[in-house]
Amino acid sequence: MNKVILSNTRLVREVDVKESKDLVIARFTVACNRTFDREKSDFINCVAFGKRAETIAKYFSKGSLINLEGRIQTGFYEKEGQKRNTFEVVVENFEFPQGNKNENKTNNQAEKKLQDIMGDDLIVVDDNEIPF
């Protein structure tokens, strides 16, 4: 099973949005703290498509906390005759993490806006419901 959950990650730069004929693509990178060494982080490239891409670009920016769920997608490219492997997380679901009271108030307002936009596609998960 190819399933990735990234919890309480931060965007490290602004979301890069590209629009083609019928599809919006948002690319961004998140920083994830390591469990055993909080001073080190992993930087993970992510991509979202369509309505998810539009919503992420609208409501998240550099420094924003975000929870993501998706799958890993691999690829490769050639540079100077050498093959290079890539990987990124294809976002299938996302949410605003639960934070302090001020953040929660902002997050609740944003969640209401997202609920209006996304309808039944928006799933809000409480951190206490995650089994690990």
Foldseek 3Di string as FASTA:
>chain_A
DFKDKAFFWFWAFAWDWDDDDQKIKTKTWTWGADPVHRVDTDIAIEMEMDPVRVLCNVPHGGGATKIFMFGKDKDWDDDPRDIDIDIHGYGQAMAHADDDPVVNVVRVVSVVVVCVSVPPSHDDDHPVPDPD
